[in-house]
């Protein structure tokens, strides 16, 4: 997302801006013309550098702290940097192997999401965040019904990603064990491999068209499936590493830090932001106010959607200070999305 139209910069201005932001990200100190003369690789005088820096400040890409002769990037400066100047540093082979190994050990979707958020945090040194797939997106593999008493039935639901959910339901009438078995056999035979969101509509459609001999079975199936196959509530988002931000120099304002941690605790605003990016291909970067949320004004969010079998399931990302190593974090998020998506695919389809 772009905060505003980027100015046109000549090659010298681009090189100075790239060098200044890279040095500031690395050191956290305002960068002066002397440092740039040593490291920018340009054959120009310090006076020329100062003039170019003044021009960059005039167009809103840099600012001058009152306590220093050097300059620091603005949010707009970071935007130009990530859009056109940053030189990516993809994860090394060992980091990718480590990421794959950690996610290969996941036992079910929630375990995978937890591992992914922890790895993103560990490898970026900031906050790792992963939005959970909606359960109705998943195909179910198998269902069993067990009568608990005259009014309650235990539905044991196994999904294609090996997640198992036990749900206690209260159907409209009591069922004999043989009836429960017949309904389970019918649902498994007809709908295994289908998404939850499809099954109830299919049952109702078939019930309207059913012959007399099938009507009772379908009615019982609709009764039991109406509760058993409704997507159950689950954790919408998994986060790891929030406390890593407490030691970040750029986030030292306690009031702003408290607002940020309140956003972490409620998750609602961050989840809404992730959902805005779910249909956008590739990496998305929100810098400060670009998030549209006051609590996130002091941070950046780098996100990418993850998909399995061609279906987008959710979004993962890294939340950190605006002064983050975008050259490493952007390709890390992109790689993690690919690895998580592959890990979410059922065995035999990878």
C-alpha atoms as a PDB file:
ATOM      1  CA  UNK A   1       0.000   0.000   0.000  1.00  0.00           C
ATOM      2  CA  UNK A   2       1.338   3.410  -0.868  1.00  0.00           C
ATOM      3  CA  UNK A   3       0.872   6.315   1.484  1.00  0.00           C
ATOM      4  CA  UNK A   4       1.306   8.881  -1.295  1.00  0.00           C
ATOM      5  CA  UNK A   5       2.784   9.360  -4.746  1.00  0.00           C
ATOM      6  CA  UNK A   6       6.534   8.668  -4.721  1.00  0.00           C
ATOM      7  CA  UNK A   7       8.732  11.510  -6.008  1.00  0.00           C
ATOM      8  CA  UNK A   8      10.982  10.996  -9.021  1.00  0.00           C
ATOM      9  CA  UNK A   9      14.581  10.660  -7.852  1.00  0.00           C
ATOM     10  CA  UNK A  10      17.756  10.801  -9.910  1.00  0.00           C
ATOM     11  CA  UNK A  11      20.320   7.986  -9.511  1.00  0.00           C
ATOM     12  CA  UNK A  12      22.448   9.882  -6.971  1.00  0.00           C
ATOM     13  CA  UNK A  13      19.458  10.683  -4.776  1.00  0.00           C
ATOM     14  CA  UNK A  14      18.289   7.056  -4.971  1.00  0.00           C
ATOM     15  CA  UNK A  15      21.712   5.766  -3.964  1.00  0.00           C
ATOM     16  CA  UNK A  16      22.012   8.188  -1.060  1.00  0.00           C
ATOM     17  CA  UNK A  17      18.494   7.385   0.160  1.00  0.00           C
ATOM     18  CA  UNK A  18      19.150   3.637  -0.102  1.00  0.00           C
ATOM     19  CA  UNK A  19      22.440   3.926   1.791  1.00  0.00           C
ATOM     20  CA  UNK A  20      21.026   6.216   4.473  1.00  0.00           C
ATOM     21  CA  UNK A  21      18.035   3.989   5.219  1.00  0.00           C
ATOM     22  CA  UNK A  22      20.132   0.813   5.198  1.00  0.00           C
ATOM     23  CA  UNK A  23      22.609   2.384   7.657  1.00  0.00           C
ATOM     24  CA  UNK A  24      19.801   3.694   9.866  1.00  0.00           C
ATOM     25  CA  UNK A  25      18.096   0.294   9.949  1.00  0.00           C
ATOM     26  CA  UNK A  26      21.402  -1.317  10.895  1.00  0.00           C
ATOM     27  CA  UNK A  27      22.636   1.175  13.504  1.00  0.00           C
ATOM     28  CA  UNK A  28      19.547   3.022  14.729  1.00  0.00           C
ATOM     29  CA  UNK A  29      21.383   6.361  14.666  1.00  0.00           C
ATOM     30  CA  UNK A  30      20.758   9.413  12.459  1.00  0.00           C
ATOM     31  CA  UNK A  31      23.014   9.334   9.400  1.00  0.00           C
ATOM     32  CA  UNK A  32      25.100  12.355   8.388  1.00  0.00           C
ATOM     33  CA  UNK A  33      26.755  13.439   5.164  1.00  0.00           C
ATOM     34  CA  UNK A  34      30.206  12.289   6.318  1.00  0.00           C
ATOM     35  CA  UNK A  35      28.994   8.713   6.795  1.00  0.00           C
ATOM     36  CA  UNK A  36      27.267   8.775   3.423  1.00  0.00           C
ATOM     37  CA  UNK A  37      30.398  10.115   1.726  1.00  0.00           C
ATOM     38  CA  UNK A  38      32.267   7.079   3.080  1.00  0.00           C
ATOM     39  CA  UNK A  39      29.670   4.409   2.302  1.00  0.00           C
ATOM     40  CA  UNK A  40      27.431   5.519  -0.580  1.00  0.00           C
ATOM     41  CA  UNK A  41      30.011   4.837  -3.288  1.00  0.00           C
ATOM     42  CA  UNK A  42      29.476   8.200  -4.991  1.00  0.00           C
ATOM     43  CA  UNK A  43      32.246  10.495  -6.188  1.00  0.00           C
ATOM     44  CA  UNK A  44      30.657  13.699  -4.933  1.00  0.00           C
ATOM     45  CA  UNK A  45      31.582  16.291  -2.335  1.00  0.00           C
ATOM     46  CA  UNK A  46      30.060  16.402   1.172  1.00  0.00           C
ATOM     47  CA  UNK A  47      28.433  19.701   0.193  1.00  0.00           C
ATOM     48  CA  UNK A  48      26.686  18.040  -2.737  1.00  0.00           C
ATOM     49  CA  UNK A  49      25.517  15.248  -0.443  1.00  0.00           C
ATOM     50  CA  UNK A  50      24.120  17.793   2.021  1.00  0.00           C
ATOM     51  CA  UNK A  51      22.217  19.515  -0.787  1.00  0.00           C
ATOM     52  CA  UNK A  52      20.717  16.220  -1.970  1.00  0.00           C
ATOM     53  CA  UNK A  53      19.733  15.308   1.600  1.00  0.00           C
ATOM     54  CA  UNK A  54      18.032  18.682   1.970  1.00  0.00           C
ATOM     55  CA  UNK A  55      16.079  17.980  -1.220  1.00  0.00           C
ATOM     56  CA  UNK A  56      15.057  14.546   0.092  1.00  0.00           C
ATOM     57  CA  UNK A  57      13.882  16.189   3.291  1.00  0.00           C
ATOM     58  CA  UNK A  58      11.897  18.773   1.326  1.00  0.00           C
ATOM     59  CA  UNK A  59       9.912  16.029  -0.451  1.00  0.00           C
ATOM     60  CA  UNK A  60       9.154  14.280   2.850  1.00  0.00           C
ATOM     61  CA  UNK A  61      11.457  11.255   2.608  1.00  0.00           C
ATOM     62  CA  UNK A  62      13.800  12.267   5.447  1.00  0.00           C
ATOM     63  CA  UNK A  63      13.586  14.257   8.657  1.00  0.00           C
ATOM     64  CA  UNK A  64      16.165  15.890  10.918  1.00  0.00           C
ATOM     65  CA  UNK A  65      16.001  15.083  14.646  1.00  0.00           C
ATOM     66  CA  UNK A  66      16.586  18.159  16.790  1.00  0.00           C
ATOM     67  CA  UNK A  67      19.349  16.443  18.739  1.00  0.00           C
ATOM     68  CA  UNK A  68      21.458  15.374  15.752  1.00  0.00           C
ATOM     69  CA  UNK A  69      23.024  16.749  12.597  1.00  0.00           C
ATOM     70  CA  UNK A  70      22.106  13.544  10.798  1.00  0.00           C
ATOM     71  CA  UNK A  71      18.853  12.499   9.195  1.00  0.00           C
ATOM     72  CA  UNK A  72      16.407   9.620   9.583  1.00  0.00           C
ATOM     73  CA  UNK A  73      13.816   8.204   7.176  1.00  0.00           C
ATOM     74  CA  UNK A  74      10.152   9.111   7.428  1.00  0.00           C
ATOM     75  CA  UNK A  75       7.370   6.580   6.858  1.00  0.00           C
ATOM     76  CA  UNK A  76       7.207   7.882   3.272  1.00  0.00           C
ATOM     77  CA  UNK A  77      10.947   7.328   2.957  1.00  0.00           C
ATOM     78  CA  UNK A  78      10.563   3.739   4.110  1.00  0.00           C
ATOM     79  CA  UNK A  79       7.773   3.298   1.553  1.00  0.00           C
ATOM     80  CA  UNK A  80      10.022   4.410  -1.320  1.00  0.00           C
ATOM     81  CA  UNK A  81      12.758   2.164   0.063  1.00  0.00           C
ATOM     82  CA  UNK A  82      10.659  -1.020   0.162  1.00  0.00           C
ATOM     83  CA  UNK A  83       8.966  -0.269  -3.175  1.00  0.00           C
ATOM     84  CA  UNK A  84      12.051   0.373  -5.267  1.00  0.00           C
ATOM     85  CA  UNK A  85      15.360   0.492  -3.399  1.00  0.00           C
ATOM     86  CA  UNK A  86      15.642  -2.463  -1.039  1.00  0.00           C
ATOM     87  CA  UNK A  87      17.980  -5.285  -2.085  1.00  0.00           C
ATOM     88  CA  UNK A  88      16.458  -8.548  -0.852  1.00  0.00           C
ATOM     89  CA  UNK A  89      18.406 -11.100   1.183  1.00  0.00           C
ATOM     90  CA  UNK A  90      16.449 -14.389   0.939  1.00  0.00           C
ATOM     91  CA  UNK A  91      16.770 -16.946   3.754  1.00  0.00           C
ATOM     92  CA  UNK A  92      19.749 -19.262   3.383  1.00  0.00           C
ATOM     93  CA  UNK A  93      19.395 -22.958   2.639  1.00  0.00           C
ATOM     94  CA  UNK A  94      19.926 -23.850   6.300  1.00  0.00           C
ATOM     95  CA  UNK A  95      17.182 -21.454   7.429  1.00  0.00           C
ATOM     96  CA  UNK A  96      14.755 -22.892   4.874  1.00  0.00           C
ATOM     97  CA  UNK A  97      15.592 -26.456   5.981  1.00  0.00           C
ATOM     98  CA  UNK A  98      15.021 -25.452   9.594  1.00  0.00           C
ATOM     99  CA  UNK A  99      11.672 -23.891   8.727  1.00  0.00           C
ATOM    100  CA  UNK A 100      10.552 -26.975   6.812  1.00  0.00           C
ATOM    101  CA  UNK A 101      11.701 -29.308   9.568  1.00  0.00           C
ATOM    102  CA  UNK A 102       9.803 -27.389  12.255  1.00  0.00           C
ATOM    103  CA  UNK A 103       6.587 -27.324  10.246  1.00  0.00           C
ATOM    104  CA  UNK A 104       6.932 -30.970   9.228  1.00  0.00           C
ATOM    105  CA  UNK A 105       6.574 -31.872  12.915  1.00  0.00           C
ATOM    106  CA  UNK A 106       3.165 -30.205  13.209  1.00  0.00           C
ATOM    107  CA  UNK A 107       0.329 -32.467  14.343  1.00  0.00           C
ATOM    108  CA  UNK A 108      -2.820 -30.824  13.012  1.00  0.00           C
ATOM    109  CA  UNK A 109      -3.578 -27.315  11.861  1.00  0.00           C
ATOM    110  CA  UNK A 110      -3.343 -25.496  15.207  1.00  0.00           C
ATOM    111  CA  UNK A 111       0.055 -27.049  15.874  1.00  0.00           C
ATOM    112  CA  UNK A 112       1.273 -25.968  12.435  1.00  0.00           C
ATOM    113  CA  UNK A 113       0.062 -22.403  12.955  1.00  0.00           C
ATOM    114  CA  UNK A 114       1.759 -22.223  16.342  1.00  0.00           C
ATOM    115  CA  UNK A 115       5.029 -23.517  14.910  1.00  0.00           C
ATOM    116  CA  UNK A 116       4.853 -21.080  11.988  1.00  0.00           C
ATOM    117  CA  UNK A 117       4.273 -18.045  14.230  1.00  0.00           C
ATOM    118  CA  UNK A 118       7.109 -19.101  16.551  1.00  0.00           C
ATOM    119  CA  UNK A 119       9.513 -19.607  13.652  1.00  0.00           C
ATOM    120  CA  UNK A 120       8.617 -16.233  12.131  1.00  0.00           C
ATOM    121  CA  UNK A 121       9.286 -14.591  15.484  1.00  0.00           C
ATOM    122  CA  UNK A 122      12.557 -16.433  16.053  1.00  0.00           C
ATOM    123  CA  UNK A 123      13.906 -15.742  12.564  1.00  0.00           C
ATOM    124  CA  UNK A 124      12.808 -12.078  12.367  1.00  0.00           C
ATOM    125  CA  UNK A 125      13.346 -11.252  16.082  1.00  0.00           C
ATOM    126  CA  UNK A 126       9.940  -9.566  16.106  1.00  0.00           C
ATOM    127  CA  UNK A 127       6.306 -10.735  16.326  1.00  0.00           C
ATOM    128  CA  UNK A 128       5.143 -13.659  14.198  1.00  0.00           C
ATOM    129  CA  UNK A 129       1.440 -13.793  13.363  1.00  0.00           C
ATOM    130  CA  UNK A 130      -0.655 -16.333  11.433  1.00  0.00           C
ATOM    131  CA  UNK A 131      -4.389 -16.161  10.741  1.00  0.00           C
ATOM    132  CA  UNK A 132      -6.145 -19.513  11.024  1.00  0.00           C
ATOM    133  CA  UNK A 133      -8.073 -21.004   8.122  1.00  0.00           C
ATOM    134  CA  UNK A 134     -11.816 -20.999   8.529  1.00  0.00           C
ATOM    135  CA  UNK A 135     -12.793 -24.538   9.373  1.00  0.00           C
ATOM    136  CA  UNK A 136     -15.582 -24.510   6.786  1.00  0.00           C
ATOM    137  CA  UNK A 137     -12.866 -24.292   4.126  1.00  0.00           C
ATOM    138  CA  UNK A 138     -11.644 -27.774   5.049  1.00  0.00           C
ATOM    139  CA  UNK A 139     -12.938 -31.033   3.711  1.00  0.00           C
ATOM    140  CA  UNK A 140     -14.049 -33.568   6.274  1.00  0.00           C
ATOM    141  CA  UNK A 141     -12.701 -37.097   6.031  1.00  0.00           C
ATOM    142  CA  UNK A 142     -14.876 -39.125   8.387  1.00  0.00           C
ATOM    143  CA  UNK A 143     -17.667 -38.768  10.945  1.00  0.00           C
ATOM    144  CA  UNK A 144     -19.016 -41.033  13.681  1.00  0.00           C
ATOM    145  CA  UNK A 145     -21.976 -40.569  16.019  1.00  0.00           C
ATOM    146  CA  UNK A 146     -22.164 -41.995  19.545  1.00  0.00           C
ATOM    147  CA  UNK A 147     -25.318 -41.728  21.685  1.00  0.00           C
ATOM    148  CA  UNK A 148     -24.474 -40.255  25.093  1.00  0.00           C
ATOM    149  CA  UNK A 149     -27.998 -40.372  26.508  1.00  0.00           C
ATOM    150  CA  UNK A 150     -31.589 -40.013  25.304  1.00  0.00           C
ATOM    151  CA  UNK A 151     -31.070 -36.444  24.086  1.00  0.00           C
ATOM    152  CA  UNK A 152     -27.359 -35.960  23.401  1.00  0.00           C
ATOM    153  CA  UNK A 153     -25.099 -37.353  20.695  1.00  0.00           C
ATOM    154  CA  UNK A 154     -21.316 -37.114  20.417  1.00  0.00           C
ATOM    155  CA  UNK A 155     -20.180 -36.320  16.863  1.00  0.00           C
ATOM    156  CA  UNK A 156     -16.544 -37.266  16.179  1.00  0.00           C
ATOM    157  CA  UNK A 157     -15.395 -35.342  13.125  1.00  0.00           C
ATOM    158  CA  UNK A 158     -12.064 -35.964  11.363  1.00  0.00           C
ATOM    159  CA  UNK A 159     -10.919 -33.361   8.830  1.00  0.00           C
ATOM    160  CA  UNK A 160      -8.663 -33.816   5.824  1.00  0.00           C
ATOM    161  CA  UNK A 161      -5.830 -32.050   7.663  1.00  0.00           C
ATOM    162  CA  UNK A 162      -6.023 -34.704  10.449  1.00  0.00           C
ATOM    163  CA  UNK A 163      -7.661 -32.306  12.910  1.00  0.00           C
ATOM    164  CA  UNK A 164     -10.185 -34.126  15.117  1.00  0.00           C
ATOM    165  CA  UNK A 165     -13.127 -32.328  16.718  1.00  0.00           C
ATOM    166  CA  UNK A 166     -15.572 -33.810  19.223  1.00  0.00           C
ATOM    167  CA  UNK A 167     -18.921 -32.039  19.349  1.00  0.00           C
ATOM    168  CA  UNK A 168     -21.848 -32.772  21.641  1.00  0.00           C
ATOM    169  CA  UNK A 169     -25.096 -32.085  19.784  1.00  0.00           C
ATOM    170  CA  UNK A 170     -28.765 -32.231  20.747  1.00  0.00           C
ATOM    171  CA  UNK A 171     -30.801 -33.445  17.744  1.00  0.00           C
ATOM    172  CA  UNK A 172     -34.549 -32.956  17.529  1.00  0.00           C
ATOM    173  CA  UNK A 173     -35.295 -36.593  18.445  1.00  0.00           C
ATOM    174  CA  UNK A 174     -33.641 -39.570  20.093  1.00  0.00           C
ATOM    175  CA  UNK A 175     -31.737 -41.960  17.825  1.00  0.00           C
ATOM    176  CA  UNK A 176     -30.983 -45.637  18.149  1.00  0.00           C
ATOM    177  CA  UNK A 177     -27.331 -46.687  17.645  1.00  0.00           C
ATOM    178  CA  UNK A 178     -28.258 -48.384  14.359  1.00  0.00           C
ATOM    179  CA  UNK A 179     -29.794 -45.151  13.067  1.00  0.00           C
ATOM    180  CA  UNK A 180     -26.702 -43.169  14.017  1.00  0.00           C
ATOM    181  CA  UNK A 181     -24.497 -45.687  12.236  1.00  0.00           C
ATOM    182  CA  UNK A 182     -26.649 -45.537   9.108  1.00  0.00           C
ATOM    183  CA  UNK A 183     -26.503 -41.732   8.984  1.00  0.00           C
ATOM    184  CA  UNK A 184     -22.721 -41.734   9.560  1.00  0.00           C
ATOM    185  CA  UNK A 185     -22.213 -44.293   6.793  1.00  0.00           C
ATOM    186  CA  UNK A 186     -24.320 -42.208   4.422  1.00  0.00           C
ATOM    187  CA  UNK A 187     -22.467 -38.958   5.194  1.00  0.00           C
ATOM    188  CA  UNK A 188     -19.072 -40.650   4.867  1.00  0.00           C
ATOM    189  CA  UNK A 189     -19.993 -42.297   1.569  1.00  0.00           C
ATOM    190  CA  UNK A 190     -21.579 -39.232  -0.010  1.00  0.00           C
ATOM    191  CA  UNK A 191     -19.647 -36.279   1.367  1.00  0.00           C
ATOM    192  CA  UNK A 192     -16.126 -37.306   2.447  1.00  0.00           C
ATOM    193  CA  UNK A 193     -13.781 -34.863   0.782  1.00  0.00           C
ATOM    194  CA  UNK A 194     -16.367 -32.068   0.616  1.00  0.00           C
ATOM    195  CA  UNK A 195     -16.100 -28.766   2.475  1.00  0.00           C
ATOM    196  CA  UNK A 196     -18.401 -28.249   5.462  1.00  0.00           C
ATOM    197  CA  UNK A 197     -19.896 -25.181   3.824  1.00  0.00           C
ATOM    198  CA  UNK A 198     -21.198 -27.354   0.961  1.00  0.00           C
ATOM    199  CA  UNK A 199     -22.629 -30.332   2.805  1.00  0.00           C
ATOM    200  CA  UNK A 200     -25.750 -28.989   4.527  1.00  0.00           C
ATOM    201  CA  UNK A 201     -26.923 -27.211   1.360  1.00  0.00           C
ATOM    202  CA  UNK A 202     -26.453 -30.441  -0.595  1.00  0.00           C
ATOM    203  CA  UNK A 203     -28.426 -32.410   1.994  1.00  0.00           C
ATOM    204  CA  UNK A 204     -31.337 -29.973   1.902  1.00  0.00           C
ATOM    205  CA  UNK A 205     -31.364 -30.001  -1.891  1.00  0.00           C
ATOM    206  CA  UNK A 206     -31.349 -33.797  -1.997  1.00  0.00           C
ATOM    207  CA  UNK A 207     -34.079 -33.966   0.646  1.00  0.00           C
ATOM    208  CA  UNK A 208     -36.384 -31.891  -1.555  1.00  0.00           C
ATOM    209  CA  UNK A 209     -35.791 -34.275  -4.460  1.00  0.00           C
ATOM    210  CA  UNK A 210     -35.774 -37.525  -2.484  1.00  0.00           C
ATOM    211  CA  UNK A 211     -37.923 -40.566  -3.119  1.00  0.00           C
ATOM    212  CA  UNK A 212     -39.914 -41.949  -0.188  1.00  0.00           C
ATOM    213  CA  UNK A 213     -37.364 -44.644   0.624  1.00  0.00           C
ATOM    214  CA  UNK A 214     -34.573 -42.045   1.010  1.00  0.00           C
ATOM    215  CA  UNK A 215     -36.560 -39.279   2.649  1.00  0.00           C
ATOM    216  CA  UNK A 216     -36.232 -40.576   6.211  1.00  0.00           C
ATOM    217  CA  UNK A 217     -32.470 -41.152   5.958  1.00  0.00           C
ATOM    218  CA  UNK A 218     -31.935 -37.710   4.482  1.00  0.00           C
ATOM    219  CA  UNK A 219     -34.137 -36.060   7.111  1.00  0.00           C
ATOM    220  CA  UNK A 220     -32.124 -37.757   9.855  1.00  0.00           C
ATOM    221  CA  UNK A 221     -28.894 -36.716   8.123  1.00  0.00           C
ATOM    222  CA  UNK A 222     -30.018 -33.092   7.954  1.00  0.00           C
ATOM    223  CA  UNK A 223     -31.026 -33.184  11.626  1.00  0.00           C
ATOM    224  CA  UNK A 224     -27.665 -34.523  12.805  1.00  0.00           C
ATOM    225  CA  UNK A 225     -25.480 -32.686  10.300  1.00  0.00           C
ATOM    226  CA  UNK A 226     -27.088 -29.305  11.021  1.00  0.00           C
ATOM    227  CA  UNK A 227     -25.209 -29.177  14.312  1.00  0.00           C
ATOM    228  CA  UNK A 228     -22.360 -31.619  13.784  1.00  0.00           C
ATOM    229  CA  UNK A 229     -21.054 -30.003  10.598  1.00  0.00           C
ATOM    230  CA  UNK A 230     -21.457 -26.352  11.563  1.00  0.00           C
ATOM    231  CA  UNK A 231     -17.953 -24.826  11.728  1.00  0.00           C
ATOM    232  CA  UNK A 232     -16.922 -24.692  15.366  1.00  0.00           C
ATOM    233  CA  UNK A 233     -15.247 -21.658  16.848  1.00  0.00           C
ATOM    234  CA  UNK A 234     -11.459 -21.853  16.962  1.00  0.00           C
ATOM    235  CA  UNK A 235      -8.611 -19.489  17.588  1.00  0.00           C
ATOM    236  CA  UNK A 236      -8.717 -16.995  14.713  1.00  0.00           C
ATOM    237  CA  UNK A 237      -5.098 -15.946  14.929  1.00  0.00           C
ATOM    238  CA  UNK A 238      -1.882 -17.209  16.496  1.00  0.00           C
ATOM    239  CA  UNK A 239       0.854 -14.816  17.630  1.00  0.00           C
ATOM    240  CA  UNK A 240       4.322 -15.333  19.049  1.00  0.00           C
ATOM    241  CA  UNK A 241       7.097 -13.062  20.284  1.00  0.00           C
ATOM    242  CA  UNK A 242       5.099 -10.037  21.413  1.00  0.00           C
ATOM    243  CA  UNK A 243       7.528  -9.347  24.264  1.00  0.00           C
ATOM    244  CA  UNK A 244      10.389  -8.997  21.770  1.00  0.00           C
ATOM    245  CA  UNK A 245       9.091  -5.498  21.005  1.00  0.00           C
ATOM    246  CA  UNK A 246       9.502  -4.363  24.605  1.00  0.00           C
ATOM    247  CA  UNK A 247      13.249  -3.934  24.139  1.00  0.00           C
ATOM    248  CA  UNK A 248      13.068  -2.122  20.795  1.00  0.00           C
ATOM    249  CA  UNK A 249      14.531   1.386  21.022  1.00  0.00           C
ATOM    250  CA  UNK A 250      12.033   2.833  18.531  1.00  0.00           C
ATOM    251  CA  UNK A 251       9.075   1.684  20.661  1.00  0.00           C
ATOM    252  CA  UNK A 252      10.109   3.215  23.973  1.00  0.00           C
ATOM    253  CA  UNK A 253       6.999   5.395  24.465  1.00  0.00           C
ATOM    254  CA  UNK A 254       5.143   3.496  27.196  1.00  0.00           C
ATOM    255  CA  UNK A 255       1.703   4.850  26.310  1.00  0.00           C
ATOM    256  CA  UNK A 256       2.074   3.857  22.649  1.00  0.00           C
ATOM    257  CA  UNK A 257       3.530   0.493  23.644  1.00  0.00           C
ATOM    258  CA  UNK A 258       0.529  -0.127  25.904  1.00  0.00           C
ATOM    259  CA  UNK A 259      -1.832   0.624  22.990  1.00  0.00           C
ATOM    260  CA  UNK A 260       0.099  -1.830  20.835  1.00  0.00           C
ATOM    261  CA  UNK A 261      -0.088  -4.591  23.429  1.00  0.00           C
ATOM    262  CA  UNK A 262      -3.806  -3.962  23.888  1.00  0.00           C
ATOM    263  CA  UNK A 263      -4.177  -4.547  20.136  1.00  0.00           C
ATOM    264  CA  UNK A 264      -2.191  -7.770  20.523  1.00  0.00           C
ATOM    265  CA  UNK A 265      -4.459  -8.880  23.353  1.00  0.00           C
ATOM    266  CA  UNK A 266      -7.745  -8.183  21.561  1.00  0.00           C
ATOM    267  CA  UNK A 267      -6.449  -9.417  18.177  1.00  0.00           C
ATOM    268  CA  UNK A 268      -9.529  -7.977  16.449  1.00  0.00           C
ATOM    269  CA  UNK A 269      -7.836  -5.051  14.675  1.00  0.00           C
ATOM    270  CA  UNK A 270      -4.841  -7.104  13.581  1.00  0.00           C
ATOM    271  CA  UNK A 271      -7.064  -9.915  12.317  1.00  0.00           C
ATOM    272  CA  UNK A 272      -9.135  -7.401  10.322  1.00  0.00           C
ATOM    273  CA  UNK A 273      -5.941  -6.087   8.747  1.00  0.00           C
ATOM    274  CA  UNK A 274      -4.798  -9.596   7.833  1.00  0.00           C
ATOM    275  CA  UNK A 275      -8.183 -10.383   6.291  1.00  0.00           C
ATOM    276  CA  UNK A 276      -7.872  -7.299   4.072  1.00  0.00           C
ATOM    277  CA  UNK A 277      -4.795  -8.861   2.466  1.00  0.00           C
ATOM    278  CA  UNK A 278      -5.988 -12.447   2.044  1.00  0.00           C
ATOM    279  CA  UNK A 279      -6.969 -12.091  -1.619  1.00  0.00           C
ATOM    280  CA  UNK A 280      -3.926 -10.012  -2.583  1.00  0.00           C
ATOM    281  CA  UNK A 281      -1.183 -12.117  -4.178  1.00  0.00           C
ATOM    282  CA  UNK A 282       2.353 -11.874  -2.877  1.00  0.00           C
ATOM    283  CA  UNK A 283       3.805  -9.857  -0.034  1.00  0.00           C
ATOM    284  CA  UNK A 284       1.990  -6.786   1.315  1.00  0.00           C
ATOM    285  CA  UNK A 285       3.730  -4.194   3.476  1.00  0.00           C
ATOM    286  CA  UNK A 286       1.997  -1.709   5.777  1.00  0.00           C
ATOM    287  CA  UNK A 287       4.218   1.008   7.244  1.00  0.00           C
ATOM    288  CA  UNK A 288       2.953   2.936  10.255  1.00  0.00           C
ATOM    289  CA  UNK A 289      -0.220   4.881   9.486  1.00  0.00           C
ATOM    290  CA  UNK A 290      -0.817   2.828   6.327  1.00  0.00           C
ATOM    291  CA  UNK A 291      -2.442   0.210   8.570  1.00  0.00           C
ATOM    292  CA  UNK A 292      -5.290   2.635   9.267  1.00  0.00           C
ATOM    293  CA  UNK A 293      -5.129   1.715  12.957  1.00  0.00           C
ATOM    294  CA  UNK A 294      -3.801   4.144  15.557  1.00  0.00           C
ATOM    295  CA  UNK A 295      -2.455   1.350  17.747  1.00  0.00           C
ATOM    296  CA  UNK A 296      -0.179   0.238  14.880  1.00  0.00           C
ATOM    297  CA  UNK A 297       1.099   3.687  13.864  1.00  0.00           C
ATOM    298  CA  UNK A 298       4.604   2.987  15.180  1.00  0.00           C
ATOM    299  CA  UNK A 299       5.108  -0.424  13.577  1.00  0.00           C
ATOM    300  CA  UNK A 300       5.240  -2.091  10.188  1.00  0.00           C
ATOM    301  CA  UNK A 301       3.450  -5.257   9.134  1.00  0.00           C
ATOM    302  CA  UNK A 302       4.750  -7.547   6.375  1.00  0.00           C
ATOM    303  CA  UNK A 303       2.223 -10.174   5.230  1.00  0.00           C
ATOM    304  CA  UNK A 304       1.716 -12.889   2.629  1.00  0.00           C
ATOM    305  CA  UNK A 305      -1.170 -15.323   2.034  1.00  0.00           C
ATOM    306  CA  UNK A 306      -0.569 -19.057   2.345  1.00  0.00           C
ATOM    307  CA  UNK A 307      -2.407 -21.603   0.229  1.00  0.00           C
ATOM    308  CA  UNK A 308      -2.798 -25.376  -0.077  1.00  0.00           C
ATOM    309  CA  UNK A 309      -3.978 -27.228  -3.170  1.00  0.00           C
ATOM    310  CA  UNK A 310      -4.589 -23.921  -4.909  1.00  0.00           C
ATOM    311  CA  UNK A 311      -6.895 -22.551  -2.183  1.00  0.00           C
ATOM    312  CA  UNK A 312      -5.886 -19.544  -0.088  1.00  0.00           C
ATOM    313  CA  UNK A 313      -6.346 -20.492   3.571  1.00  0.00           C
ATOM    314  CA  UNK A 314      -5.009 -17.556   5.569  1.00  0.00           C
ATOM    315  CA  UNK A 315      -2.298 -14.938   5.982  1.00  0.00           C
ATOM    316  CA  UNK A 316       0.945 -14.895   7.931  1.00  0.00           C
ATOM    317  CA  UNK A 317       3.310 -12.070   8.688  1.00  0.00           C
ATOM    318  CA  UNK A 318       5.748 -10.209  10.892  1.00  0.00           C
ATOM    319  CA  UNK A 319       5.001  -7.152  13.035  1.00  0.00           C
ATOM    320  CA  UNK A 320       8.010  -5.062  13.984  1.00  0.00           C
ATOM    321  CA  UNK A 321       9.279  -1.494  14.222  1.00  0.00           C
ATOM    322  CA  UNK A 322       9.321   0.627  11.096  1.00  0.00           C
ATOM    323  CA  UNK A 323      13.103   0.345  11.381  1.00  0.00           C
ATOM    324  CA  UNK A 324      13.109  -3.361  10.544  1.00  0.00           C
ATOM    325  CA  UNK A 325      15.412  -5.234   8.177  1.00  0.00           C
ATOM    326  CA  UNK A 326      12.987  -5.307   5.248  1.00  0.00           C
ATOM    327  CA  UNK A 327      15.625  -6.944   3.058  1.00  0.00           C
ATOM    328  CA  UNK A 328      15.434 -10.057   5.261  1.00  0.00           C
ATOM    329  CA  UNK A 329      11.870  -9.916   6.583  1.00  0.00           C
ATOM    330  CA  UNK A 330      10.111  -9.605   3.207  1.00  0.00           C
ATOM    331  CA  UNK A 331      11.674 -12.760   1.669  1.00  0.00           C
ATOM    332  CA  UNK A 332      11.346 -14.566   5.019  1.00  0.00           C
ATOM    333  CA  UNK A 333       7.580 -13.971   5.064  1.00  0.00           C
ATOM    334  CA  UNK A 334       7.296 -15.013   1.419  1.00  0.00           C
ATOM    335  CA  UNK A 335       9.237 -18.239   2.045  1.00  0.00           C
ATOM    336  CA  UNK A 336       7.338 -19.044   5.247  1.00  0.00           C
ATOM    337  CA  UNK A 337       4.019 -18.701   3.392  1.00  0.00           C
ATOM    338  CA  UNK A 338       5.188 -21.188   0.763  1.00  0.00           C
ATOM    339  CA  UNK A 339       6.479 -23.665   3.351  1.00  0.00           C
ATOM    340  CA  UNK A 340       3.347 -23.436   5.527  1.00  0.00           C
ATOM    341  CA  UNK A 341       1.092 -23.897   2.509  1.00  0.00           C
ATOM    342  CA  UNK A 342       3.007 -27.023   1.495  1.00  0.00           C
ATOM    343  CA  UNK A 343       2.825 -28.376   5.058  1.00  0.00           C
ATOM    344  CA  UNK A 344      -0.964 -27.877   5.083  1.00  0.00           C
ATOM    345  CA  UNK A 345      -1.481 -30.087   2.040  1.00  0.00           C
ATOM    346  CA  UNK A 346      -2.603 -33.663   2.777  1.00  0.00           C
ATOM    347  CA  UNK A 347       0.111 -36.350   2.439  1.00  0.00           C
ATOM    348  CA  UNK A 348       0.294 -37.693  -1.077  1.00  0.00           C
ATOM    349  CA  UNK A 349      -0.633 -34.373  -2.714  1.00  0.00           C
ATOM    350  CA  UNK A 350       2.598 -32.494  -1.974  1.00  0.00           C
END
